[in-house]
Protein backbone atom coordinates (compact mmCIF):
# COMPACT_ATOMS: atom_id res chain seq x y z
CA MET A 1 0.00 0.00 0.00
CA THR A 2 1.40 3.39 -1.00
CA ARG A 3 1.52 6.35 1.35
CA THR A 4 -1.20 8.15 -0.64
CA GLN A 5 -3.57 5.19 -0.36
CA PHE A 6 -2.82 4.89 3.36
CA LEU A 7 -3.60 8.59 3.93
CA ARG A 8 -6.86 8.34 1.98
CA ARG A 9 -7.99 5.32 3.98
CA ARG A 10 -7.04 7.02 7.19
CA GLY A 11 -8.97 10.14 6.17
CA LYS A 12 -12.09 8.06 5.47
CA LEU A 13 -11.85 6.34 8.86
CA LEU A 14 -11.47 9.73 10.57
CA ARG A 15 -14.56 11.09 8.80
CA ILE A 16 -16.56 8.03 9.83
CA ARG A 17 -15.38 8.40 13.43
CA GLN A 18 -16.25 12.09 13.49
CA ASN A 19 -19.72 11.56 12.00
CA TRP A 20 -20.57 8.22 13.61
CA GLY A 21 -23.96 9.56 14.74
CA LEU A 22 -25.06 10.24 11.16
CA TYR A 23 -23.94 6.78 10.04
CA LEU A 24 -25.84 5.27 12.97
CA LEU A 25 -29.02 7.03 11.80
CA MET A 26 -28.48 5.56 8.33
CA LEU A 27 -28.29 1.97 9.55
CA PRO A 28 -32.07 1.29 9.79
CA ALA A 29 -32.63 2.60 6.25
CA ILE A 30 -29.70 0.56 4.92
CA ALA A 31 -30.95 -2.57 6.71
CA ILE A 32 -34.48 -2.15 5.27
CA PHE A 33 -33.04 -1.53 1.81
CA ILE A 34 -30.92 -4.69 1.96
CA CYS A 35 -33.71 -6.87 3.40
CA PHE A 36 -36.46 -5.78 1.03
CA THR A 37 -34.50 -4.90 -2.13
CA TYR A 38 -31.28 -6.90 -2.44
CA LEU A 39 -31.98 -10.14 -0.57
CA PRO A 40 -35.19 -10.93 -2.52
CA MET A 41 -33.26 -10.56 -5.79
CA TYR A 42 -32.11 -14.18 -5.55
CA GLY A 43 -35.70 -15.11 -6.47
CA VAL A 44 -35.02 -13.85 -10.00
CA ILE A 45 -33.51 -17.26 -10.78
CA ILE A 46 -37.02 -18.71 -11.13
CA ALA A 47 -37.02 -17.04 -14.55
CA PHE A 48 -34.51 -19.75 -15.55
CA LYS A 49 -36.37 -22.63 -13.86
CA ASP A 50 -39.60 -24.59 -14.14
CA PHE A 51 -40.67 -23.22 -10.79
CA ARG A 52 -43.08 -25.28 -8.71
CA PRO A 53 -44.06 -23.81 -5.31
CA ALA A 54 -44.17 -27.28 -3.73
CA MET A 55 -40.57 -27.96 -4.80
CA GLY A 56 -39.21 -24.54 -3.88
CA ILE A 57 -36.78 -22.39 -5.82
CA TRP A 58 -33.76 -24.67 -5.52
CA GLY A 59 -35.74 -27.87 -5.96
CA SER A 60 -37.29 -26.82 -9.27
CA LYS A 61 -35.67 -27.96 -12.51
CA TRP A 62 -33.56 -25.64 -14.63
CA ALA A 63 -35.26 -24.44 -17.82
CA GLY A 64 -32.58 -22.14 -19.24
CA LEU A 65 -33.95 -19.46 -21.54
CA LYS A 66 -37.18 -21.34 -22.21
CA TYR A 67 -39.50 -18.67 -20.80
CA PHE A 68 -37.63 -15.78 -22.42
CA GLU A 69 -37.96 -17.50 -25.81
CA ARG A 70 -41.64 -18.14 -25.10
CA TYR A 71 -42.26 -14.44 -24.49
CA PHE A 72 -40.20 -13.30 -27.49
CA ASN A 73 -42.05 -15.71 -29.78
CA SER A 74 -45.52 -14.99 -28.41
CA TYR A 75 -48.00 -12.73 -30.22
CA MET A 76 -48.17 -10.59 -27.05
CA PHE A 77 -44.49 -9.57 -27.26
CA ALA A 78 -44.86 -7.00 -30.06
CA ASN A 79 -48.21 -5.82 -28.70
CA THR A 80 -47.07 -5.22 -25.11
CA ILE A 81 -43.77 -3.63 -26.15
CA THR A 82 -45.48 -1.30 -28.64
CA ASN A 83 -48.23 -0.25 -26.23
CA THR A 84 -45.73 0.32 -23.42
CA LEU A 85 -43.43 2.42 -25.60
CA VAL A 86 -46.30 4.47 -27.07
CA ILE A 87 -47.70 5.33 -23.64
CA SER A 88 -44.26 5.91 -22.09
CA LEU A 89 -42.86 8.12 -24.88
CA TYR A 90 -46.15 10.02 -25.13
CA THR A 91 -46.05 10.59 -21.37
CA ILE A 92 -42.45 11.84 -21.45
CA ALA A 93 -43.12 14.12 -24.42
CA VAL A 94 -46.04 15.80 -22.62
CA THR A 95 -45.30 15.59 -18.89
CA PHE A 96 -41.57 16.41 -19.05
CA PRO A 97 -41.73 19.98 -20.46
CA LEU A 98 -45.00 21.03 -18.77
CA PRO A 99 -43.62 21.08 -15.18
CA ILE A 100 -40.77 23.29 -16.43
CA LEU A 101 -43.21 25.73 -18.00
CA LEU A 102 -45.35 25.68 -14.84
CA ALA A 103 -42.30 26.40 -12.66
CA LEU A 104 -41.22 29.28 -14.89
CA MET A 105 -44.75 30.69 -14.75
CA CYS A 106 -44.90 30.40 -10.95
CA ASN A 107 -41.53 32.11 -10.69
CA GLN A 108 -42.94 35.14 -12.50
CA MET A 109 -45.88 35.52 -10.11
CA TYR A 110 -45.33 38.34 -7.63
CA ALA A 111 -48.65 38.28 -5.74
CA ARG A 112 -47.83 35.92 -2.86
CA ARG A 113 -51.38 34.89 -2.01
CA PHE A 114 -52.29 34.09 -5.59
CA LYS A 115 -48.99 32.28 -6.08
CA LYS A 116 -49.58 30.07 -3.02
CA PHE A 117 -53.16 29.37 -4.07
CA PHE A 118 -52.01 28.47 -7.59
CA GLN A 119 -49.28 26.14 -6.31
CA VAL A 120 -51.53 24.37 -3.81
CA SER A 121 -54.31 23.91 -6.37
CA THR A 122 -51.87 22.29 -8.81
CA TYR A 123 -50.31 20.07 -6.11
CA LEU A 124 -53.57 18.71 -4.65
CA PRO A 125 -54.50 16.22 -7.42
CA HIS A 126 -51.22 14.40 -6.74
CA PHE A 127 -52.57 13.25 -3.37
CA ILE A 128 -55.68 11.62 -4.85
CA SER A 129 -55.26 7.84 -4.77
CA THR A 130 -54.99 6.01 -8.07
CA VAL A 131 -58.22 4.08 -7.45
CA VAL A 132 -60.19 7.27 -6.76
CA MET A 133 -58.59 9.03 -9.72
CA CYS A 134 -59.52 6.21 -12.10
CA GLY A 135 -63.08 6.21 -10.74
CA MET A 136 -63.30 9.94 -11.42
CA ILE A 137 -61.93 9.51 -14.95
CA ILE A 138 -64.46 6.78 -15.78
CA MET A 139 -67.29 8.89 -14.32
CA PHE A 140 -66.22 12.07 -16.16
CA LEU A 141 -65.91 10.22 -19.50
CA SER A 142 -69.10 8.19 -19.23
CA PRO A 143 -71.00 8.55 -22.56
CA SER A 144 -74.38 8.71 -20.77
CA SER A 145 -73.71 10.90 -17.72
CA GLY A 146 -70.11 12.13 -18.03
CA VAL A 147 -69.31 15.84 -17.76
CA ILE A 148 -66.82 15.90 -20.64
CA PRO A 149 -69.05 14.17 -23.28
CA ARG A 150 -71.92 16.51 -22.33
CA LEU A 151 -69.76 19.62 -22.67
CA CYS A 152 -68.48 18.37 -26.02
CA ALA A 153 -72.07 17.66 -27.14
CA MET A 154 -73.03 21.24 -26.26
CA ALA A 155 -70.20 22.41 -28.51
CA GLY A 156 -71.42 20.15 -31.31
CA ILE A 157 -68.68 17.52 -30.87
CA GLN A 158 -69.65 13.86 -30.64
CA THR A 159 -67.09 11.99 -28.51
CA GLY A 160 -68.76 8.60 -28.27
CA ASP A 161 -67.53 6.10 -25.68
CA LEU A 162 -64.02 7.38 -24.96
CA MET A 163 -63.22 4.66 -22.42
CA GLY A 164 -64.24 2.07 -25.00
CA SER A 165 -61.99 3.54 -27.69
CA ALA A 166 -58.61 1.83 -28.01
CA LYS A 167 -57.17 4.78 -29.95
CA ALA A 168 -58.13 7.24 -27.21
CA PHE A 169 -56.62 5.23 -24.35
CA SER A 170 -53.08 6.62 -24.52
CA SER A 171 -54.36 10.22 -24.65
CA ILE A 172 -56.71 9.62 -21.71
CA TYR A 173 -53.84 8.13 -19.71
CA VAL A 174 -51.32 10.88 -20.52
CA TRP A 175 -53.55 13.95 -20.10
CA THR A 176 -54.98 12.69 -16.81
CA GLU A 177 -51.36 12.22 -15.71
CA VAL A 178 -50.84 15.89 -16.56
CA TRP A 179 -53.81 16.87 -14.40
CA GLN A 180 -52.65 14.76 -11.47
CA HIS A 181 -48.87 15.07 -11.40
CA VAL A 182 -47.56 18.09 -13.33
CA GLY A 183 -48.02 20.46 -10.37
CA TRP A 184 -46.16 18.11 -8.05
CA ASP A 185 -43.37 17.48 -10.58
CA SER A 186 -42.78 21.21 -10.87
CA ILE A 187 -41.60 21.41 -7.24
CA MET A 188 -38.05 20.38 -8.17
CA TYR A 189 -37.82 23.13 -10.77
CA ILE A 190 -39.37 25.74 -8.47
CA ALA A 191 -36.76 24.82 -5.83
CA ALA A 192 -33.97 25.24 -8.40
CA LEU A 193 -35.34 28.64 -9.44
CA SER A 194 -35.59 29.79 -5.81
CA ALA A 195 -31.84 29.22 -5.45
CA ILE A 196 -30.99 31.79 -8.15
CA ASP A 197 -29.15 34.83 -6.82
CA PRO A 198 -31.50 37.90 -7.03
CA GLN A 199 -28.49 40.00 -8.05
CA LEU A 200 -28.56 38.25 -11.43
CA TYR A 201 -32.06 39.62 -12.08
CA GLU A 202 -31.00 43.08 -10.88
CA ALA A 203 -28.00 43.05 -13.21
CA ALA A 204 -30.26 41.96 -16.09
CA GLU A 205 -32.66 44.83 -15.37
CA VAL A 206 -29.76 47.30 -15.37
CA ASP A 207 -28.77 45.95 -18.80
CA GLY A 208 -32.33 46.52 -20.02
CA ALA A 209 -33.44 42.88 -20.20
CA ASN A 210 -37.17 42.23 -20.33
CA LYS A 211 -39.04 39.33 -18.69
CA TRP A 212 -38.55 36.89 -21.59
CA GLN A 213 -34.85 37.68 -21.85
CA LYS A 214 -34.42 36.99 -18.12
CA ILE A 215 -36.12 33.63 -18.50
CA ARG A 216 -33.96 32.71 -21.50
CA ALA A 217 -30.65 33.96 -20.09
CA ILE A 218 -31.02 33.19 -16.36
CA ASP A 219 -33.85 30.83 -15.48
CA ILE A 220 -33.49 28.19 -18.21
CA PRO A 221 -29.67 27.79 -17.90
CA MET A 222 -30.08 27.33 -14.14
CA LEU A 223 -32.69 24.61 -14.73
CA VAL A 224 -30.63 22.63 -17.25
CA PRO A 225 -28.77 20.38 -14.72
CA THR A 226 -32.06 19.52 -12.96
CA MET A 227 -33.76 18.92 -16.30
CA ILE A 228 -31.03 16.56 -17.48
CA THR A 229 -31.00 14.59 -14.23
CA LEU A 230 -34.77 14.10 -14.22
CA PHE A 231 -34.75 13.23 -17.93
CA ILE A 232 -32.17 10.50 -17.33
CA LEU A 233 -34.33 9.06 -14.54
CA ARG A 234 -37.38 9.16 -16.83
CA CYS A 235 -35.49 7.29 -19.55
CA GLY A 236 -34.42 4.69 -16.99
CA SER A 237 -38.05 3.68 -16.53
CA ILE A 238 -39.17 3.91 -20.15
CA LEU A 239 -40.71 0.42 -19.99
CA GLY A 240 -41.94 0.93 -16.44
CA VAL A 241 -45.37 2.43 -17.15
CA GLY A 242 -47.42 2.41 -13.95
CA PHE A 243 -49.46 -0.76 -13.54
CA GLU A 244 -52.31 0.38 -11.30
CA LYS A 245 -53.76 3.15 -13.43
CA VAL A 246 -53.56 1.24 -16.71
CA TYR A 247 -55.12 -1.86 -15.15
CA LEU A 248 -57.98 0.08 -13.58
CA LEU A 249 -58.78 1.93 -16.83
CA GLN A 250 -58.47 -1.21 -18.93
CA ASN A 251 -61.54 -2.94 -20.38
CA ASP A 252 -62.37 -5.42 -23.14
CA LEU A 253 -62.89 -2.65 -25.70
CA ASN A 254 -59.57 -0.82 -25.26
CA ILE A 255 -57.36 -3.78 -24.31
CA SER A 256 -55.68 -3.90 -27.74
CA ASN A 257 -53.95 -0.59 -26.92
CA SER A 258 -53.90 -0.80 -23.13
CA GLU A 259 -52.21 -4.16 -22.56
CA ILE A 260 -48.70 -3.19 -21.43
CA ILE A 261 -45.83 -5.23 -20.00
CA SER A 262 -46.76 -4.72 -16.35
CA THR A 263 -50.44 -5.66 -16.79
CA TYR A 264 -49.56 -8.71 -18.89
CA LEU A 265 -46.98 -9.73 -16.26
CA TYR A 266 -49.60 -9.45 -13.51
CA LYS A 267 -52.11 -11.56 -15.42
CA MET A 268 -49.56 -14.26 -16.20
CA GLY A 269 -48.00 -14.34 -12.75
CA LEU A 270 -50.81 -13.85 -10.24
CA LYS A 271 -53.89 -14.80 -12.25
CA SER A 272 -52.53 -17.70 -14.29
CA ASN A 273 -49.89 -18.81 -11.74
CA GLN A 274 -47.17 -18.86 -14.41
CA TYR A 275 -44.46 -17.66 -12.04
CA SER A 276 -41.40 -18.47 -14.13
CA TYR A 277 -42.89 -16.90 -17.23
CA SER A 278 -43.82 -13.69 -15.40
CA ALA A 279 -40.38 -13.57 -13.74
CA ALA A 280 -38.73 -13.81 -17.16
CA ILE A 281 -40.87 -10.94 -18.48
CA GLY A 282 -40.09 -8.82 -15.42
CA LEU A 283 -36.35 -9.51 -15.67
CA PHE A 284 -36.34 -8.62 -19.38
CA ASN A 285 -38.17 -5.38 -18.57
CA ASN A 286 -35.70 -4.39 -15.85
CA VAL A 287 -32.64 -5.25 -17.94
CA VAL A 288 -33.87 -3.10 -20.84
CA ASN A 289 -34.59 -0.20 -18.46
CA PHE A 290 -31.11 -0.52 -16.93
CA VAL A 291 -29.39 -0.58 -20.33
CA ILE A 292 -31.30 2.50 -21.48
CA LEU A 293 -30.44 4.29 -18.22
CA VAL A 294 -26.71 3.58 -18.66
CA LEU A 295 -26.75 4.66 -22.33
CA VAL A 296 -28.63 7.91 -21.71
CA ASN A 297 -26.44 8.67 -18.70
CA GLY A 298 -23.29 8.10 -20.77
CA ILE A 299 -24.53 10.30 -23.61
CA SER A 300 -25.47 13.04 -21.15
CA LYS A 301 -22.07 12.85 -19.48
CA LYS A 302 -20.29 13.34 -22.79
CA ILE A 303 -22.52 16.12 -24.06
CA SER A 304 -23.27 18.18 -20.94
CA ASP A 305 -20.98 16.87 -18.14
CA THR A 306 -24.15 16.22 -16.10
CA SER A 307 -24.86 12.62 -15.11
CA LEU A 308 -26.11 10.39 -12.31
CA PHE A 309 -22.85 8.41 -12.03
């Protein structure tokens, strides 16, 4: 061991000794993370076995890549991948820029009471449970008694049964996500904007900059690191479209466009008891998400010097 390595190790030990209280507070969280995240990962091996609950994980016979090949060759592979990508990319395209615009708009509000009211009113839908939210969506879009079809009918627009339309499913999912989560997602950007030095705005005013020039020259550049970080995280879950909302809005009429990887995995694993098959689908999903995360992170690191790792 060289002297430099010895000094580094000694410095780390000294920092741990000085901050032992903080490390002690971290132990419960680390223990929970290990017990409920890392230890259960050994169960992934059932994706490579003909798993039988009575025989246990280790007692079941090895199947190799049998269940992966079954999924890749099934008619549901292209359908679930396509539906998942359409909904995921559509969601990113709409819900990624809108929180930024909302944060920039809030930052330009000078009336404190109105600003607080506006922020709270946009945050509140986030706290509505998914089950309640889906019930509201179905009720609002009901062709017989829904508010939205009636308003459209008054304007001379015939919507028909929106929840029964496969083509409308992705738009219903995405724009209700906007209603529920855009206000909450803007908090990160509002926090980044609040950290901007007021002297920058004063200097811009002295130089004769108007409101739009301040946004373009000060606000947006300060948001770029936050934007890149959140975009990388979004890309890391591109095949991880939320299960609960899609499953609750799904019906026999829209299932051709609403059957995604997570809902298909649930039906195969818990409804049909095909545990190895569902584990193979889940492992494939997670591997693809991880690869995309690493690629996007690497590209971001080269282009902007901003990355997660």
